[in-house]
Amino acid sequence: MARKPIIAGNWKMYKNHLEAIALVQELHYHLTEKHHDKVEVVVCPPFTALRAVQTFVEAEDSRIALGAQNCHWENEGAFTGEIAPPMLARLKCRYVIAGHSERRQYFGETDEIVNKKAKAVFANDMVPIVCVGETLEQRDTEQTEEVVTTQVRGSLAGLTPEQLTKVVMAYEPVWAIGTGRNAQPEDANTVCGLIRRTIKDMRGDSDAVRIQYGGSVKPGNVKDIMAQPEVDGALVGGASLEGEDFALIVRFED
């Protein structure tokens, strides 16, 4: 089954709303309809920039999709500082990242929490980008398979077969995020294949599931990564903060 690659830029805690507009303008300028036909492009700005980016994308009739970096699992409530899924849906977000390694590491998000968020995202007609991946210590002690399988099963528990088909997965080895190191393409392919087999065990069919690789993806290495049969895209951090660099990643086939 042919899976359309999905490349998403996670801007993390960078770019105010004015800088975000400038960045998405530059990205829009460097991409043509040909590139959008081949690759689904997503940007995930900070919450304070979502409305500004949405306005630009709609005004320019751009095919760049909007995503959020996180959300709460409740639709409303006394949760000071949190963002509810319906708020993001109202801004026409198509995707929401759930369980990024920085959320797991710095904010104590467990597979159970990620699972609640994934269900809430689906319930509000958006698609979660669910992140899984091992630490350097876990990798060095040969726990990658156990850790990743446990995270996949826990994060996706209770999703319907249809939701399991639509979910976007992101394999992000924690040791490769923001460090300049990245998994060898063949290693990334192996773990993405493991994720696909795990989902298949959960529902019987995972051919449609798109699995991204995230971990220091750059214009110089994206082509080799995307050449792997189990890799269907990239979750890009630092390199997505420069419009031209991110466009080069999207245009990996040029």
C-alpha atoms as a PDB file:
ATOM      1  CA  MET A   1       0.000   0.000   0.000  1.00  0.00           C
ATOM      2  CA  ALA A   2       1.376   3.432  -0.944  1.00  0.00           C
ATOM      3  CA  ARG A   3       1.629   5.760   2.038  1.00  0.00           C
ATOM      4  CA  LYS A   4       1.973   9.486   1.432  1.00  0.00           C
ATOM      5  CA  PRO A   5       4.994  10.747   3.397  1.00  0.00           C
ATOM      6  CA  ILE A   6       4.245  13.201   6.196  1.00  0.00           C
ATOM      7  CA  ILE A   7       6.922  15.658   7.298  1.00  0.00           C
ATOM      8  CA  ALA A   8       6.130  17.783  10.353  1.00  0.00           C
ATOM      9  CA  GLY A   9       8.072  20.659  11.853  1.00  0.00           C
ATOM     10  CA  ASN A  10       8.003  20.849  15.657  1.00  0.00           C
ATOM     11  CA  TRP A  11       8.963  24.426  16.532  1.00  0.00           C
ATOM     12  CA  LYS A  12       9.023  23.669  20.265  1.00  0.00           C
ATOM     13  CA  MET A  13       9.363  26.815  22.440  1.00  0.00           C
ATOM     14  CA  TYR A  14      10.668  29.012  19.630  1.00  0.00           C
ATOM     15  CA  LYS A  15       9.123  31.770  17.486  1.00  0.00           C
ATOM     16  CA  ASN A  16       6.675  34.421  18.660  1.00  0.00           C
ATOM     17  CA  HIS A  17       3.651  35.004  16.451  1.00  0.00           C
ATOM     18  CA  LEU A  18       5.422  37.531  14.207  1.00  0.00           C
ATOM     19  CA  GLU A  19       8.448  35.272  13.735  1.00  0.00           C
ATOM     20  CA  ALA A  20       6.101  32.355  13.074  1.00  0.00           C
ATOM     21  CA  ILE A  21       4.375  34.239  10.269  1.00  0.00           C
ATOM     22  CA  ALA A  22       7.731  35.043   8.678  1.00  0.00           C
ATOM     23  CA  LEU A  23       8.801  31.406   8.925  1.00  0.00           C
ATOM     24  CA  VAL A  24       5.652  29.950   7.378  1.00  0.00           C
ATOM     25  CA  GLN A  25       5.814  32.607   4.648  1.00  0.00           C
ATOM     26  CA  GLU A  26       9.327  31.489   3.752  1.00  0.00           C
ATOM     27  CA  LEU A  27       8.338  27.825   3.794  1.00  0.00           C
ATOM     28  CA  HIS A  28       5.318  28.532   1.603  1.00  0.00           C
ATOM     29  CA  TYR A  29       7.516  30.415  -0.865  1.00  0.00           C
ATOM     30  CA  HIS A  30       9.914  27.467  -1.272  1.00  0.00           C
ATOM     31  CA  LEU A  31       7.228  24.821  -1.898  1.00  0.00           C
ATOM     32  CA  THR A  32       5.133  24.198  -4.995  1.00  0.00           C
ATOM     33  CA  GLU A  33       2.032  22.149  -5.671  1.00  0.00           C
ATOM     34  CA  LYS A  34       4.319  19.382  -6.920  1.00  0.00           C
ATOM     35  CA  HIS A  35       5.908  19.090  -3.488  1.00  0.00           C
ATOM     36  CA  HIS A  36       2.539  19.108  -1.702  1.00  0.00           C
ATOM     37  CA  ASP A  37       1.298  16.383  -4.049  1.00  0.00           C
ATOM     38  CA  LYS A  38       4.173  14.164  -2.971  1.00  0.00           C
ATOM     39  CA  VAL A  39       4.484  15.040   0.729  1.00  0.00           C
ATOM     40  CA  GLU A  40       2.074  16.166   3.426  1.00  0.00           C
ATOM     41  CA  VAL A  41       3.627  19.156   5.178  1.00  0.00           C
ATOM     42  CA  VAL A  42       2.741  20.051   8.773  1.00  0.00           C
ATOM     43  CA  VAL A  43       3.945  22.868  11.021  1.00  0.00           C
ATOM     44  CA  CYS A  44       3.497  22.783  14.798  1.00  0.00           C
ATOM     45  CA  PRO A  45       4.059  26.285  16.200  1.00  0.00           C
ATOM     46  CA  PRO A  46       3.765  27.303  19.862  1.00  0.00           C
ATOM     47  CA  PHE A  47       0.207  27.863  21.056  1.00  0.00           C
ATOM     48  CA  THR A  48       0.599  31.657  20.932  1.00  0.00           C
ATOM     49  CA  ALA A  49       1.352  31.503  17.200  1.00  0.00           C
ATOM     50  CA  LEU A  50      -1.320  29.043  16.092  1.00  0.00           C
ATOM     51  CA  ARG A  51      -3.919  31.659  15.191  1.00  0.00           C
ATOM     52  CA  ALA A  52      -1.402  33.777  13.269  1.00  0.00           C
ATOM     53  CA  VAL A  53      -0.162  30.808  11.254  1.00  0.00           C
ATOM     54  CA  GLN A  54      -3.731  29.610  10.632  1.00  0.00           C
ATOM     55  CA  THR A  55      -4.660  33.038   9.267  1.00  0.00           C
ATOM     56  CA  PHE A  56      -1.689  33.064   6.885  1.00  0.00           C
ATOM     57  CA  VAL A  57      -2.277  29.513   5.652  1.00  0.00           C
ATOM     58  CA  GLU A  58      -5.926  30.245   4.925  1.00  0.00           C
ATOM     59  CA  ALA A  59      -5.246  33.633   3.307  1.00  0.00           C
ATOM     60  CA  GLU A  60      -2.654  32.130   0.967  1.00  0.00           C
ATOM     61  CA  ASP A  61      -4.731  29.019   0.315  1.00  0.00           C
ATOM     62  CA  SER A  62      -1.660  27.070   1.332  1.00  0.00           C
ATOM     63  CA  ARG A  63      -1.675  23.299   1.645  1.00  0.00           C
ATOM     64  CA  ILE A  64       0.526  23.445   4.731  1.00  0.00           C
ATOM     65  CA  ALA A  65      -1.338  21.699   7.554  1.00  0.00           C
ATOM     66  CA  LEU A  66      -1.460  23.051  11.071  1.00  0.00           C
ATOM     67  CA  GLY A  67      -0.532  21.005  14.112  1.00  0.00           C
ATOM     68  CA  ALA A  68      -0.227  21.597  17.848  1.00  0.00           C
ATOM     69  CA  GLN A  69       2.568  20.422  20.093  1.00  0.00           C
ATOM     70  CA  ASN A  70       0.422  19.174  22.954  1.00  0.00           C
ATOM     71  CA  CYS A  71      -3.024  19.279  24.551  1.00  0.00           C
ATOM     72  CA  HIS A  72      -4.916  18.204  27.648  1.00  0.00           C
ATOM     73  CA  TRP A  73      -7.186  15.170  27.507  1.00  0.00           C
ATOM     74  CA  GLU A  74     -10.266  16.956  28.879  1.00  0.00           C
ATOM     75  CA  ASN A  75     -12.452  19.138  26.683  1.00  0.00           C
ATOM     76  CA  GLU A  76     -12.731  21.805  29.371  1.00  0.00           C
ATOM     77  CA  GLY A  77     -12.195  22.293  33.076  1.00  0.00           C
ATOM     78  CA  ALA A  78     -10.217  23.976  35.841  1.00  0.00           C
ATOM     79  CA  PHE A  79      -6.781  23.088  34.468  1.00  0.00           C
ATOM     80  CA  THR A  80      -4.868  26.360  34.607  1.00  0.00           C
ATOM     81  CA  GLY A  81      -2.350  26.726  31.815  1.00  0.00           C
ATOM     82  CA  GLU A  82      -3.626  23.794  29.761  1.00  0.00           C
ATOM     83  CA  ILE A  83      -5.089  23.767  26.251  1.00  0.00           C
ATOM     84  CA  ALA A  84      -8.225  21.770  25.440  1.00  0.00           C
ATOM     85  CA  PRO A  85      -8.573  19.736  22.227  1.00  0.00           C
ATOM     86  CA  PRO A  86     -11.711  21.611  21.054  1.00  0.00           C
ATOM     87  CA  MET A  87      -9.735  24.867  21.189  1.00  0.00           C
ATOM     88  CA  LEU A  88      -7.231  23.396  18.752  1.00  0.00           C
ATOM     89  CA  ALA A  89      -9.937  21.941  16.523  1.00  0.00           C
ATOM     90  CA  ARG A  90     -11.544  25.384  16.351  1.00  0.00           C
ATOM     91  CA  LEU A  91      -8.243  26.729  14.986  1.00  0.00           C
ATOM     92  CA  LYS A  92      -8.414  24.016  12.325  1.00  0.00           C
ATOM     93  CA  CYS A  93      -5.468  22.060  13.627  1.00  0.00           C
ATOM     94  CA  ARG A  94      -5.253  18.775  11.779  1.00  0.00           C
ATOM     95  CA  TYR A  95      -2.645  17.135  14.020  1.00  0.00           C
ATOM     96  CA  VAL A  96      -1.571  17.167  17.663  1.00  0.00           C
ATOM     97  CA  ILE A  97       1.720  15.751  18.918  1.00  0.00           C
ATOM     98  CA  ALA A  98       1.221  13.390  21.868  1.00  0.00           C
ATOM     99  CA  GLY A  99       3.962  12.019  24.089  1.00  0.00           C
ATOM    100  CA  HIS A 100       6.971  13.823  22.663  1.00  0.00           C
ATOM    101  CA  SER A 101      10.064  12.639  24.513  1.00  0.00           C
ATOM    102  CA  GLU A 102      10.515  16.090  26.068  1.00  0.00           C
ATOM    103  CA  ARG A 103       6.989  15.862  27.488  1.00  0.00           C
ATOM    104  CA  ARG A 104       7.747  12.405  28.819  1.00  0.00           C
ATOM    105  CA  GLN A 105      11.133  13.430  30.238  1.00  0.00           C
ATOM    106  CA  TYR A 106      10.462  16.886  31.661  1.00  0.00           C
ATOM    107  CA  PHE A 107       6.755  16.716  32.492  1.00  0.00           C
ATOM    108  CA  GLY A 108       6.392  13.112  33.574  1.00  0.00           C
ATOM    109  CA  GLU A 109       3.970  12.028  30.857  1.00  0.00           C
ATOM    110  CA  THR A 110       3.334   8.301  31.008  1.00  0.00           C
ATOM    111  CA  ASP A 111       1.939   5.978  28.359  1.00  0.00           C
ATOM    112  CA  GLU A 112      -1.424   6.230  30.158  1.00  0.00           C
ATOM    113  CA  ILE A 113      -1.438  10.017  29.830  1.00  0.00           C
ATOM    114  CA  VAL A 114      -0.377   9.834  26.188  1.00  0.00           C
ATOM    115  CA  ASN A 115      -3.182   7.341  25.600  1.00  0.00           C
ATOM    116  CA  LYS A 116      -5.761   9.729  27.100  1.00  0.00           C
ATOM    117  CA  LYS A 117      -4.488  12.523  24.880  1.00  0.00           C
ATOM    118  CA  ALA A 118      -4.539  10.393  21.748  1.00  0.00           C
ATOM    119  CA  LYS A 119      -8.153   9.412  22.409  1.00  0.00           C
ATOM    120  CA  ALA A 120      -9.125  13.044  23.088  1.00  0.00           C
ATOM    121  CA  VAL A 121      -7.473  14.204  19.862  1.00  0.00           C
ATOM    122  CA  PHE A 122      -9.386  11.623  17.837  1.00  0.00           C
ATOM    123  CA  ALA A 123     -12.621  12.489  19.648  1.00  0.00           C
ATOM    124  CA  ASN A 124     -12.223  16.053  18.385  1.00  0.00           C
ATOM    125  CA  ASP A 125     -11.684  15.027  14.756  1.00  0.00           C
ATOM    126  CA  MET A 126      -7.939  15.579  14.727  1.00  0.00           C
ATOM    127  CA  VAL A 127      -5.094  13.067  14.359  1.00  0.00           C
ATOM    128  CA  PRO A 128      -2.465  12.418  17.026  1.00  0.00           C
ATOM    129  CA  ILE A 129       1.215  12.122  16.177  1.00  0.00           C
ATOM    130  CA  VAL A 130       2.191   9.652  18.893  1.00  0.00           C
ATOM    131  CA  CYS A 131       5.874   9.624  19.810  1.00  0.00           C
ATOM    132  CA  VAL A 132       7.854   6.680  21.139  1.00  0.00           C
ATOM    133  CA  GLY A 133      11.548   6.023  21.587  1.00  0.00           C
ATOM    134  CA  GLU A 134      14.288   4.805  23.870  1.00  0.00           C
ATOM    135  CA  THR A 135      16.977   6.613  25.872  1.00  0.00           C
ATOM    136  CA  LEU A 136      20.701   6.097  25.286  1.00  0.00           C
ATOM    137  CA  GLU A 137      20.965   3.940  28.398  1.00  0.00           C
ATOM    138  CA  GLN A 138      18.098   1.759  27.219  1.00  0.00           C
ATOM    139  CA  ARG A 139      19.670   1.470  23.792  1.00  0.00           C
ATOM    140  CA  ASP A 140      23.066   0.536  25.202  1.00  0.00           C
ATOM    141  CA  THR A 141      21.500  -2.164  27.376  1.00  0.00           C
ATOM    142  CA  GLU A 142      19.600  -3.597  24.396  1.00  0.00           C
ATOM    143  CA  GLN A 143      16.154  -2.635  25.704  1.00  0.00           C
ATOM    144  CA  THR A 144      15.006  -0.817  22.553  1.00  0.00           C
ATOM    145  CA  GLU A 145      12.530  -3.476  21.447  1.00  0.00           C
ATOM    146  CA  GLU A 146      10.982  -3.879  24.898  1.00  0.00           C
ATOM    147  CA  VAL A 147      10.724  -0.123  25.543  1.00  0.00           C
ATOM    148  CA  VAL A 148       9.293   0.781  22.145  1.00  0.00           C
ATOM    149  CA  THR A 149       6.808  -2.095  22.103  1.00  0.00           C
ATOM    150  CA  THR A 150       5.581  -1.207  25.601  1.00  0.00           C
ATOM    151  CA  GLN A 151       5.186   2.455  24.668  1.00  0.00           C
ATOM    152  CA  VAL A 152       3.268   1.647  21.489  1.00  0.00           C
ATOM    153  CA  ARG A 153       0.885  -0.727  23.228  1.00  0.00           C
ATOM    154  CA  GLY A 154       0.331   1.599  26.174  1.00  0.00           C
ATOM    155  CA  SER A 155      -0.062   4.776  24.143  1.00  0.00           C
ATOM    156  CA  LEU A 156      -2.509   3.229  21.673  1.00  0.00           C
ATOM    157  CA  ALA A 157      -4.481   1.000  24.058  1.00  0.00           C
ATOM    158  CA  GLY A 158      -8.213   1.001  23.437  1.00  0.00           C
ATOM    159  CA  LEU A 159      -8.135   2.814  20.099  1.00  0.00           C
ATOM    160  CA  THR A 160     -10.535   1.485  17.489  1.00  0.00           C
ATOM    161  CA  PRO A 161      -9.211  -0.323  14.404  1.00  0.00           C
ATOM    162  CA  GLU A 162     -10.089   2.740  12.327  1.00  0.00           C
ATOM    163  CA  GLN A 163      -8.174   5.040  14.683  1.00  0.00           C
ATOM    164  CA  LEU A 164      -5.175   2.720  14.663  1.00  0.00           C
ATOM    165  CA  THR A 165      -5.148   3.014  10.879  1.00  0.00           C
ATOM    166  CA  LYS A 166      -5.214   6.826  10.967  1.00  0.00           C
ATOM    167  CA  VAL A 167      -2.740   7.453  13.786  1.00  0.00           C
ATOM    168  CA  VAL A 168       0.667   8.853  12.858  1.00  0.00           C
ATOM    169  CA  MET A 169       3.564   7.366  14.805  1.00  0.00           C
ATOM    170  CA  ALA A 170       6.930   9.018  15.359  1.00  0.00           C
ATOM    171  CA  TYR A 171       9.995   7.020  16.343  1.00  0.00           C
ATOM    172  CA  GLU A 172      12.280   9.453  18.095  1.00  0.00           C
ATOM    173  CA  PRO A 173      15.292   7.914  19.810  1.00  0.00           C
ATOM    174  CA  VAL A 174      15.744  10.226  22.784  1.00  0.00           C
ATOM    175  CA  TRP A 175      19.513  10.075  22.466  1.00  0.00           C
ATOM    176  CA  ALA A 176      19.318  11.598  18.960  1.00  0.00           C
ATOM    177  CA  ILE A 177      17.086  14.609  19.702  1.00  0.00           C
ATOM    178  CA  GLY A 178      18.914  17.908  19.665  1.00  0.00           C
ATOM    179  CA  THR A 179      22.272  16.185  20.014  1.00  0.00           C
ATOM    180  CA  GLY A 180      23.392  16.199  16.402  1.00  0.00           C
ATOM    181  CA  ARG A 181      23.466  12.393  16.519  1.00  0.00           C
ATOM    182  CA  ASN A 182      20.974  10.363  14.572  1.00  0.00           C
ATOM    183  CA  ALA A 183      20.179   6.707  14.152  1.00  0.00           C
ATOM    184  CA  GLN A 184      21.594   5.043  11.091  1.00  0.00           C
ATOM    185  CA  PRO A 185      18.890   4.835   8.429  1.00  0.00           C
ATOM    186  CA  GLU A 186      18.857   1.049   8.660  1.00  0.00           C
ATOM    187  CA  ASP A 187      18.429   1.214  12.454  1.00  0.00           C
ATOM    188  CA  ALA A 188      15.563   3.682  12.098  1.00  0.00           C
ATOM    189  CA  ASN A 189      13.971   1.348   9.561  1.00  0.00           C
ATOM    190  CA  THR A 190      14.270  -1.592  11.944  1.00  0.00           C
ATOM    191  CA  VAL A 191      12.508   0.193  14.799  1.00  0.00           C
ATOM    192  CA  CYS A 192       9.836   1.670  12.535  1.00  0.00           C
ATOM    193  CA  GLY A 193       9.209  -1.871  11.318  1.00  0.00           C
ATOM    194  CA  LEU A 194       8.910  -3.003  14.933  1.00  0.00           C
ATOM    195  CA  ILE A 195       6.296  -0.283  15.544  1.00  0.00           C
ATOM    196  CA  ARG A 196       4.349  -1.419  12.482  1.00  0.00           C
ATOM    197  CA  ARG A 197       4.417  -5.063  13.575  1.00  0.00           C
ATOM    198  CA  THR A 198       3.261  -4.100  17.064  1.00  0.00           C
ATOM    199  CA  ILE A 199       0.288  -2.193  15.663  1.00  0.00           C
ATOM    200  CA  LYS A 200      -0.463  -5.119  13.384  1.00  0.00           C
ATOM    201  CA  ASP A 201      -0.574  -7.380  16.431  1.00  0.00           C
ATOM    202  CA  MET A 202      -3.064  -4.961  17.996  1.00  0.00           C
ATOM    203  CA  ARG A 203      -5.451  -4.736  15.058  1.00  0.00           C
ATOM    204  CA  GLY A 204      -4.349  -7.131  12.324  1.00  0.00           C
ATOM    205  CA  ASP A 205      -3.465  -4.527   9.661  1.00  0.00           C
ATOM    206  CA  SER A 206      -0.929  -1.725   9.816  1.00  0.00           C
ATOM    207  CA  ASP A 207      -0.177  -1.154   6.141  1.00  0.00           C
ATOM    208  CA  ALA A 208      -1.822   2.271   6.168  1.00  0.00           C
ATOM    209  CA  VAL A 209      -0.086   3.570   9.303  1.00  0.00           C
ATOM    210  CA  ARG A 210       2.460   6.290   8.630  1.00  0.00           C
ATOM    211  CA  ILE A 211       5.580   6.189  10.799  1.00  0.00           C
ATOM    212  CA  GLN A 212       7.934   9.140  11.035  1.00  0.00           C
ATOM    213  CA  TYR A 213      11.536   9.228  12.163  1.00  0.00           C
ATOM    214  CA  GLY A 214      12.530  12.079  14.456  1.00  0.00           C
ATOM    215  CA  GLY A 215      16.052  12.718  15.658  1.00  0.00           C
ATOM    216  CA  SER A 216      18.325  15.409  14.223  1.00  0.00           C
ATOM    217  CA  VAL A 217      16.813  15.181  10.738  1.00  0.00           C
ATOM    218  CA  LYS A 218      18.559  17.626   8.399  1.00  0.00           C
ATOM    219  CA  PRO A 219      18.689  18.378   4.658  1.00  0.00           C
ATOM    220  CA  GLY A 220      21.896  16.347   4.461  1.00  0.00           C
ATOM    221  CA  ASN A 221      20.514  13.087   5.873  1.00  0.00           C
ATOM    222  CA  VAL A 222      16.801  13.139   5.066  1.00  0.00           C
ATOM    223  CA  LYS A 223      17.122  11.426   1.682  1.00  0.00           C
ATOM    224  CA  ASP A 224      18.834   8.361   3.146  1.00  0.00           C
ATOM    225  CA  ILE A 225      16.292   8.209   5.972  1.00  0.00           C
ATOM    226  CA  MET A 226      13.321   8.524   3.626  1.00  0.00           C
ATOM    227  CA  ALA A 227      14.720   5.800   1.370  1.00  0.00           C
ATOM    228  CA  GLN A 228      13.949   3.232   4.063  1.00  0.00           C
ATOM    229  CA  PRO A 229      10.779   1.229   3.304  1.00  0.00           C
ATOM    230  CA  GLU A 230       9.340   1.442   6.827  1.00  0.00           C
ATOM    231  CA  VAL A 231       9.919   5.197   7.217  1.00  0.00           C
ATOM    232  CA  ASP A 232       7.040   7.355   5.998  1.00  0.00           C
ATOM    233  CA  GLY A 233       8.187  10.796   7.042  1.00  0.00           C
ATOM    234  CA  ALA A 234      10.037  12.868   9.585  1.00  0.00           C
ATOM    235  CA  LEU A 235       9.311  14.803  12.752  1.00  0.00           C
ATOM    236  CA  VAL A 236      11.789  17.662  12.441  1.00  0.00           C
ATOM    237  CA  GLY A 237      12.976  19.854  15.292  1.00  0.00           C
ATOM    238  CA  GLY A 238      15.774  22.390  14.905  1.00  0.00           C
ATOM    239  CA  ALA A 239      15.973  22.199  11.117  1.00  0.00           C
ATOM    240  CA  SER A 240      12.293  23.221  10.858  1.00  0.00           C
ATOM    241  CA  LEU A 241      13.079  26.626  12.383  1.00  0.00           C
ATOM    242  CA  GLU A 242      14.633  27.834   9.119  1.00  0.00           C
ATOM    243  CA  GLY A 243      12.202  27.986   6.219  1.00  0.00           C
ATOM    244  CA  GLU A 244      14.727  27.115   3.530  1.00  0.00           C
ATOM    245  CA  ASP A 245      16.184  24.184   5.475  1.00  0.00           C
ATOM    246  CA  PHE A 246      12.759  22.767   6.228  1.00  0.00           C
ATOM    247  CA  ALA A 247      11.745  23.173   2.589  1.00  0.00           C
ATOM    248  CA  LEU A 248      14.854  21.237   1.533  1.00  0.00           C
ATOM    249  CA  ILE A 249      13.798  18.416   3.835  1.00  0.00           C
ATOM    250  CA  VAL A 250      10.296  18.404   2.336  1.00  0.00           C
ATOM    251  CA  ARG A 251      11.853  18.423  -1.143  1.00  0.00           C
ATOM    252  CA  PHE A 252      14.090  15.436  -0.409  1.00  0.00           C
ATOM    253  CA  GLU A 253      13.230  13.879  -3.772  1.00  0.00           C
ATOM    254  CA  ASP A 254      14.355  16.892  -5.843  1.00  0.00           C
END
